[in-house]
């Protein structure tokens, strides 16, 4: 995994790569060219490129080729709800044959804009509660896709963190209520229930901008034996470098929802294989381009999960990782 300097150099070289690959909406192509749009809730960085490349490779395996019979238009909202809605409108006006939506806010913005264009979501935790589908087996409308993690993951995160750091007394769950299901209650309820069982004081930290993140983490770090949980939330992903830096400075053990947090210096991550979701989404998009209906394609649960532990960060925090966790890890970063 490249270090931070390497990452910046990589982004400098590839920053506009995705935009360059997308054929303009007014480009002339052969008859039969199908149009796909994609609304992403994160920045156009190396992590985003890995996901879109997996999506495009999946489409190629299904017989679709950029520039020959396929056009893809990408937009990136980076956690900004107002920009998300504007970009959703912009993409719908392009009249694509199908839209890929990454995250709950992206799917919500698109649903508010169109009830006819087929939409395939990824990284959505509660599609029924969010009003996207009628049921998992029979979505019923123009939306289907792939869920990310059940609400109970918040309790599992706390259990993993407590197993790694038995002396924890208080743990905060941090999220932006504007970018997670039910304003955060979807995850906070099972978190509080688990905290009661594990005899840990639960803290709910709702944040809306960088300053609130800094205040929340700094306040948590003022007391020893504190821990931090991040659930799947695009806003947290956008600000991951800040959060990882603060937890390192304040020596707060934290658990994160995706591998790239651990790769960037976070203590531990547990969650779905994010790139795999984009690969699977390409299969649904292909079926929709060939005439299938979203209402007939069941919402699918994750099939690949991964536990990643950053040993270097553990050592810096003075944490000895239990052998049973190391044995079950899918990735260990030295």
Protein backbone atom coordinates (compact mmCIF):
# COMPACT_ATOMS: atom_id res chain seq x y z
CA UNK A 1 0.00 0.00 0.00
CA UNK A 2 1.58 3.37 -0.99
CA UNK A 3 2.37 5.92 1.70
CA UNK A 4 0.68 9.30 1.81
CA UNK A 5 3.28 10.95 -0.43
CA UNK A 6 2.84 8.23 -3.01
CA UNK A 7 -0.92 8.62 -2.80
CA UNK A 8 -0.71 12.35 -3.52
CA UNK A 9 1.60 11.74 -6.47
CA UNK A 10 -0.80 9.12 -7.76
CA UNK A 11 -3.76 11.49 -7.49
CA UNK A 12 -1.83 14.24 -9.23
CA UNK A 13 -1.31 11.94 -12.19
CA UNK A 14 -4.82 10.46 -12.25
CA UNK A 15 -7.06 13.20 -10.83
CA UNK A 16 -8.98 13.73 -14.05
CA UNK A 17 -8.81 10.19 -15.37
CA UNK A 18 -12.43 9.27 -14.74
CA UNK A 19 -13.77 12.47 -16.19
CA UNK A 20 -11.61 11.97 -19.28
CA UNK A 21 -12.85 8.42 -19.78
CA UNK A 22 -16.52 9.44 -19.72
CA UNK A 23 -17.79 10.32 -23.16
CA UNK A 24 -19.64 13.66 -23.19
CA UNK A 25 -23.41 13.42 -23.14
CA UNK A 26 -23.71 15.06 -26.57
CA UNK A 27 -21.11 12.82 -28.21
CA UNK A 28 -22.23 11.04 -31.35
CA UNK A 29 -21.89 7.27 -31.24
CA UNK A 30 -23.10 4.26 -33.15
CA UNK A 31 -26.70 3.18 -32.86
CA UNK A 32 -27.10 1.00 -29.81
CA UNK A 33 -24.82 2.98 -27.47
CA UNK A 34 -26.37 2.86 -24.00
CA UNK A 35 -25.90 5.57 -21.38
CA UNK A 36 -25.18 4.98 -17.70
CA UNK A 37 -24.85 7.68 -15.04
CA UNK A 38 -23.20 7.31 -11.63
CA UNK A 39 -23.69 9.53 -8.58
CA UNK A 40 -21.01 9.07 -5.93
CA UNK A 41 -21.10 10.34 -2.36
CA UNK A 42 -17.33 10.63 -2.02
CA UNK A 43 -14.40 12.51 -3.53
CA UNK A 44 -12.94 11.66 -6.92
CA UNK A 45 -9.76 10.16 -5.50
CA UNK A 46 -7.80 6.91 -5.74
CA UNK A 47 -10.38 5.02 -3.66
CA UNK A 48 -13.14 6.20 -5.99
CA UNK A 49 -11.13 5.18 -9.02
CA UNK A 50 -10.64 1.65 -7.67
CA UNK A 51 -14.41 1.29 -7.35
CA UNK A 52 -15.31 2.72 -10.73
CA UNK A 53 -12.66 0.59 -12.41
CA UNK A 54 -14.20 -2.51 -10.82
CA UNK A 55 -17.60 -1.36 -12.05
CA UNK A 56 -16.32 -0.83 -15.58
CA UNK A 57 -14.45 -4.15 -15.67
CA UNK A 58 -17.63 -5.87 -14.56
CA UNK A 59 -19.57 -4.23 -17.38
CA UNK A 60 -16.88 -5.31 -19.85
CA UNK A 61 -17.34 -8.90 -18.73
CA UNK A 62 -21.04 -8.45 -19.44
CA UNK A 63 -20.32 -7.33 -23.00
CA UNK A 64 -20.28 -3.53 -22.59
CA UNK A 65 -17.36 -1.44 -23.79
CA UNK A 66 -16.78 2.27 -23.19
CA UNK A 67 -16.71 4.13 -26.48
CA UNK A 68 -18.24 1.26 -28.42
CA UNK A 69 -21.66 0.51 -26.97
CA UNK A 70 -21.52 2.28 -23.60
CA UNK A 71 -21.15 5.79 -22.16
CA UNK A 72 -20.74 6.51 -18.44
CA UNK A 73 -21.09 9.93 -16.81
CA UNK A 74 -19.74 10.25 -13.26
CA UNK A 75 -20.53 12.90 -10.66
CA UNK A 76 -19.02 13.27 -7.16
CA UNK A 77 -20.81 15.06 -4.32
CA UNK A 78 -18.30 14.53 -1.45
CA UNK A 79 -20.94 14.43 1.27
CA UNK A 80 -22.59 17.77 0.43
CA UNK A 81 -26.38 17.24 0.40
CA UNK A 82 -27.18 20.39 -1.61
CA UNK A 83 -24.59 19.51 -4.24
CA UNK A 84 -25.85 15.93 -4.22
CA UNK A 85 -29.36 17.04 -5.17
CA UNK A 86 -28.08 19.36 -7.87
CA UNK A 87 -25.93 16.64 -9.39
CA UNK A 88 -28.82 14.16 -9.25
CA UNK A 89 -30.89 16.61 -11.29
CA UNK A 90 -28.01 17.12 -13.71
CA UNK A 91 -27.61 13.38 -14.30
CA UNK A 92 -31.33 12.76 -14.73
CA UNK A 93 -31.46 15.51 -17.36
CA UNK A 94 -28.91 13.52 -19.37
CA UNK A 95 -31.64 10.86 -19.72
CA UNK A 96 -29.42 7.84 -19.03
CA UNK A 97 -30.72 4.30 -19.42
CA UNK A 98 -29.65 3.44 -15.85
CA UNK A 99 -28.08 5.17 -12.85
CA UNK A 100 -25.64 3.81 -10.27
CA UNK A 101 -26.07 5.42 -6.83
CA UNK A 102 -23.38 5.13 -4.18
CA UNK A 103 -24.73 5.70 -0.64
CA UNK A 104 -28.04 6.49 1.01
CA UNK A 105 -27.88 10.27 0.31
CA UNK A 106 -27.15 9.67 -3.39
CA UNK A 107 -30.03 7.22 -3.72
CA UNK A 108 -32.37 9.57 -1.87
CA UNK A 109 -31.42 12.51 -4.11
CA UNK A 110 -32.01 10.45 -7.24
CA UNK A 111 -35.33 9.08 -5.97
CA UNK A 112 -36.50 12.64 -5.41
CA UNK A 113 -35.58 13.45 -9.00
CA UNK A 114 -36.86 10.46 -10.98
CA UNK A 115 -39.32 7.62 -10.46
CA UNK A 116 -38.82 6.18 -13.94
CA UNK A 117 -35.10 5.79 -14.70
CA UNK A 118 -33.77 2.49 -13.26
CA UNK A 119 -31.44 3.00 -10.29
CA UNK A 120 -28.99 0.50 -8.77
CA UNK A 121 -27.64 1.46 -5.36
CA UNK A 122 -24.57 0.29 -3.45
CA UNK A 123 -23.51 1.05 0.14
CA UNK A 124 -27.06 1.52 1.44
CA UNK A 125 -27.81 0.15 4.92
CA UNK A 126 -31.59 0.41 5.22
CA UNK A 127 -33.32 0.53 1.81
CA UNK A 128 -36.75 -0.31 3.23
CA UNK A 129 -36.61 2.17 6.10
CA UNK A 130 -35.24 4.81 3.75
CA UNK A 131 -38.23 4.32 1.46
CA UNK A 132 -36.24 3.15 -1.54
CA UNK A 133 -37.89 -0.27 -1.91
CA UNK A 134 -41.08 -1.97 -0.76
CA UNK A 135 -39.28 -5.16 0.22
CA UNK A 136 -35.95 -6.86 -0.29
CA UNK A 137 -37.41 -9.64 -2.45
CA UNK A 138 -39.72 -7.42 -4.52
CA UNK A 139 -38.41 -3.81 -4.62
CA UNK A 140 -41.53 -2.69 -6.45
CA UNK A 141 -40.35 0.55 -8.07
CA UNK A 142 -37.46 1.85 -10.16
CA UNK A 143 -34.80 1.15 -7.51
CA UNK A 144 -32.88 -1.95 -6.43
CA UNK A 145 -29.34 -2.70 -5.36
CA UNK A 146 -26.92 -3.95 -2.73
CA UNK A 147 -27.03 -3.31 1.01
CA UNK A 148 -23.92 -2.66 3.04
CA UNK A 149 -24.35 -3.51 6.74
CA UNK A 150 -27.25 -4.30 9.07
CA UNK A 151 -27.94 -2.05 12.06
CA UNK A 152 -26.56 -4.72 14.39
CA UNK A 153 -23.06 -3.96 13.07
CA UNK A 154 -22.82 -1.11 15.58
CA UNK A 155 -23.04 -3.64 18.41
CA UNK A 156 -20.49 -5.90 16.74
CA UNK A 157 -18.11 -2.96 16.36
CA UNK A 158 -18.34 -2.27 20.07
CA UNK A 159 -17.73 -5.93 20.89
CA UNK A 160 -14.60 -6.01 18.69
CA UNK A 161 -13.28 -2.79 20.19
CA UNK A 162 -13.94 -4.03 23.74
CA UNK A 163 -12.16 -7.30 22.96
CA UNK A 164 -9.13 -5.37 21.75
CA UNK A 165 -9.18 -2.87 24.62
CA UNK A 166 -10.92 -4.50 27.64
CA UNK A 167 -10.36 -1.44 29.85
CA UNK A 168 -12.64 0.79 27.78
CA UNK A 169 -15.07 2.75 29.94
CA UNK A 170 -16.80 4.97 27.36
CA UNK A 171 -17.22 4.69 23.62
CA UNK A 172 -18.64 7.22 21.17
CA UNK A 173 -20.41 6.44 17.93
CA UNK A 174 -19.86 9.32 15.50
CA UNK A 175 -21.85 10.08 12.33
CA UNK A 176 -23.49 12.82 10.34
CA UNK A 177 -27.27 12.46 10.86
CA UNK A 178 -27.84 13.82 7.35
CA UNK A 179 -26.02 10.95 5.67
CA UNK A 180 -27.00 7.83 7.63
CA UNK A 181 -30.38 6.06 7.87
CA UNK A 182 -33.05 7.42 10.23
CA UNK A 183 -30.85 10.34 11.21
CA UNK A 184 -28.49 7.95 13.00
CA UNK A 185 -31.03 6.01 15.06
CA UNK A 186 -30.64 3.02 12.73
CA UNK A 187 -27.15 2.48 14.18
CA UNK A 188 -27.31 4.26 17.55
CA UNK A 189 -30.07 2.06 19.01
CA UNK A 190 -28.21 -1.27 18.71
CA UNK A 191 -25.02 0.51 19.80
CA UNK A 192 -26.64 1.69 23.03
CA UNK A 193 -28.14 -1.75 23.67
CA UNK A 194 -24.74 -3.38 23.22
CA UNK A 195 -23.05 -0.79 25.44
CA UNK A 196 -25.46 -1.62 28.25
CA UNK A 197 -24.62 -5.33 28.00
CA UNK A 198 -20.87 -4.67 27.86
CA UNK A 199 -21.04 -2.11 30.70
CA UNK A 200 -19.63 0.70 28.59
CA UNK A 201 -20.97 4.26 28.69
CA UNK A 202 -22.37 5.06 25.22
CA UNK A 203 -21.85 8.49 23.70
CA UNK A 204 -23.65 9.67 20.57
CA UNK A 205 -21.61 12.23 18.63
CA UNK A 206 -23.53 13.85 15.78
CA UNK A 207 -21.32 15.98 13.54
CA UNK A 208 -22.03 18.13 10.48
CA UNK A 209 -18.66 19.65 9.58
CA UNK A 210 -14.91 19.44 10.23
CA UNK A 211 -15.02 21.68 13.30
CA UNK A 212 -17.66 19.48 14.93
CA UNK A 213 -15.55 16.40 14.18
CA UNK A 214 -12.56 18.05 15.85
CA UNK A 215 -14.63 19.07 18.89
CA UNK A 216 -16.20 15.63 19.28
CA UNK A 217 -12.94 13.70 19.06
CA UNK A 218 -11.06 16.19 21.23
CA UNK A 219 -13.75 16.01 23.91
CA UNK A 220 -13.63 12.22 23.81
CA UNK A 221 -9.85 12.24 24.10
CA UNK A 222 -9.88 14.32 27.28
CA UNK A 223 -10.89 11.23 29.26
CA UNK A 224 -8.83 8.07 29.36
CA UNK A 225 -10.24 4.65 28.47
CA UNK A 226 -12.30 6.13 25.62
CA UNK A 227 -12.98 4.56 22.23
CA UNK A 228 -14.58 5.58 18.95
CA UNK A 229 -16.85 3.82 16.43
CA UNK A 230 -17.56 4.95 12.89
CA UNK A 231 -20.42 3.33 10.98
CA UNK A 232 -20.80 3.39 7.18
CA UNK A 233 -21.21 7.09 6.43
CA UNK A 234 -19.88 8.90 3.35
CA UNK A 235 -19.34 12.06 5.37
CA UNK A 236 -16.95 10.16 7.65
CA UNK A 237 -15.19 8.65 4.65
CA UNK A 238 -14.61 12.08 3.13
CA UNK A 239 -13.01 13.26 6.40
CA UNK A 240 -11.18 10.02 7.23
CA UNK A 241 -7.68 11.55 7.20
CA UNK A 242 -8.71 14.15 9.79
CA UNK A 243 -10.36 11.54 12.02
CA UNK A 244 -7.46 9.09 11.83
CA UNK A 245 -4.99 11.89 12.60
CA UNK A 246 -6.99 13.08 15.62
CA UNK A 247 -7.41 9.58 17.08
CA UNK A 248 -3.67 9.01 16.72
CA UNK A 249 -2.80 12.30 18.43
CA UNK A 250 -5.25 11.72 21.27
CA UNK A 251 -4.48 7.98 21.52
CA UNK A 252 -8.09 6.89 20.99
CA UNK A 253 -8.65 3.33 19.77
CA UNK A 254 -11.19 3.39 16.96
CA UNK A 255 -12.94 0.95 14.64
CA UNK A 256 -13.95 1.85 11.09
CA UNK A 257 -16.30 0.44 8.43
CA UNK A 258 -13.94 0.02 5.46
CA UNK A 259 -10.46 -1.35 4.74
CA UNK A 260 -9.14 1.97 3.44
CA UNK A 261 -9.45 3.45 6.96
CA UNK A 262 -7.05 0.84 8.34
CA UNK A 263 -4.77 1.23 5.33
CA UNK A 264 -4.63 4.97 6.04
CA UNK A 265 -3.57 4.40 9.66
CA UNK A 266 -6.79 3.51 11.49
CA UNK A 267 -6.54 0.83 14.17
CA UNK A 268 -9.06 -1.68 12.81
CA UNK A 269 -11.77 -1.92 10.18
CA UNK A 270 -14.58 -4.38 9.66
CA UNK A 271 -17.08 -4.22 6.86
CA UNK A 272 -18.08 -5.26 3.39
CA UNK A 273 -15.64 -5.55 0.53
CA UNK A 274 -16.52 -2.18 -1.03
CA UNK A 275 -15.01 -2.85 -4.44
CA UNK A 276 -16.90 -6.15 -4.68
CA UNK A 277 -20.18 -4.23 -4.35
CA UNK A 278 -19.37 -2.25 -7.48
CA UNK A 279 -18.49 -5.42 -9.35
CA UNK A 280 -21.81 -6.98 -8.36
CA UNK A 281 -23.66 -3.78 -9.25
CA UNK A 282 -22.31 -4.00 -12.80
CA UNK A 283 -24.22 -7.27 -13.26
CA UNK A 284 -27.51 -5.61 -12.28
CA UNK A 285 -26.82 -2.57 -14.46
CA UNK A 286 -26.14 -4.88 -17.40
CA UNK A 287 -29.41 -6.73 -16.85
CA UNK A 288 -31.30 -3.44 -16.71
CA UNK A 289 -29.65 -2.24 -19.92
CA UNK A 290 -30.85 -5.45 -21.56
CA UNK A 291 -34.45 -4.88 -20.51
CA UNK A 292 -34.86 -6.20 -16.97
CA UNK A 293 -37.00 -4.22 -14.50
CA UNK A 294 -35.66 -3.00 -11.11
CA UNK A 295 -38.90 -4.10 -9.47
CA UNK A 296 -38.08 -7.70 -10.40
CA UNK A 297 -34.46 -7.71 -9.19
CA UNK A 298 -34.24 -8.46 -5.44
CA UNK A 299 -32.10 -6.31 -3.19
CA UNK A 300 -29.01 -8.32 -2.31
CA UNK A 301 -27.09 -8.48 0.96
CA UNK A 302 -23.29 -8.38 1.19
CA UNK A 303 -21.40 -11.59 0.46
CA UNK A 304 -17.82 -10.57 1.28
CA UNK A 305 -16.68 -9.07 4.60
CA UNK A 306 -13.18 -8.24 5.75
CA UNK A 307 -11.48 -7.57 9.08
CA UNK A 308 -8.29 -5.52 8.73
CA UNK A 309 -5.96 -4.72 11.63
CA UNK A 310 -3.19 -2.13 11.60
CA UNK A 311 -0.49 -3.58 13.83
CA UNK A 312 1.64 -0.45 13.59
CA UNK A 313 -1.18 1.67 14.97
CA UNK A 314 -1.90 -0.90 17.69
CA UNK A 315 1.74 -0.75 18.83
CA UNK A 316 1.67 3.05 18.84
CA UNK A 317 -1.39 2.92 21.10
CA UNK A 318 0.13 0.26 23.34
CA UNK A 319 -2.53 -2.28 22.39
CA UNK A 320 -1.80 -6.00 22.19
CA UNK A 321 -4.18 -7.52 19.67
CA UNK A 322 -5.74 -10.81 20.87
CA UNK A 323 -4.48 -13.80 18.91
CA UNK A 324 -8.00 -14.88 18.06
CA UNK A 325 -8.63 -11.56 16.28
CA UNK A 326 -5.33 -11.76 14.41
CA UNK A 327 -6.11 -15.31 13.34
CA UNK A 328 -9.46 -14.20 11.91
CA UNK A 329 -8.15 -11.07 10.18
CA UNK A 330 -8.37 -10.82 6.40
CA UNK A 331 -5.58 -8.28 6.37
CA UNK A 332 -2.82 -7.26 8.76
CA UNK A 333 -0.93 -4.02 8.17
CA UNK A 334 2.52 -3.88 9.78
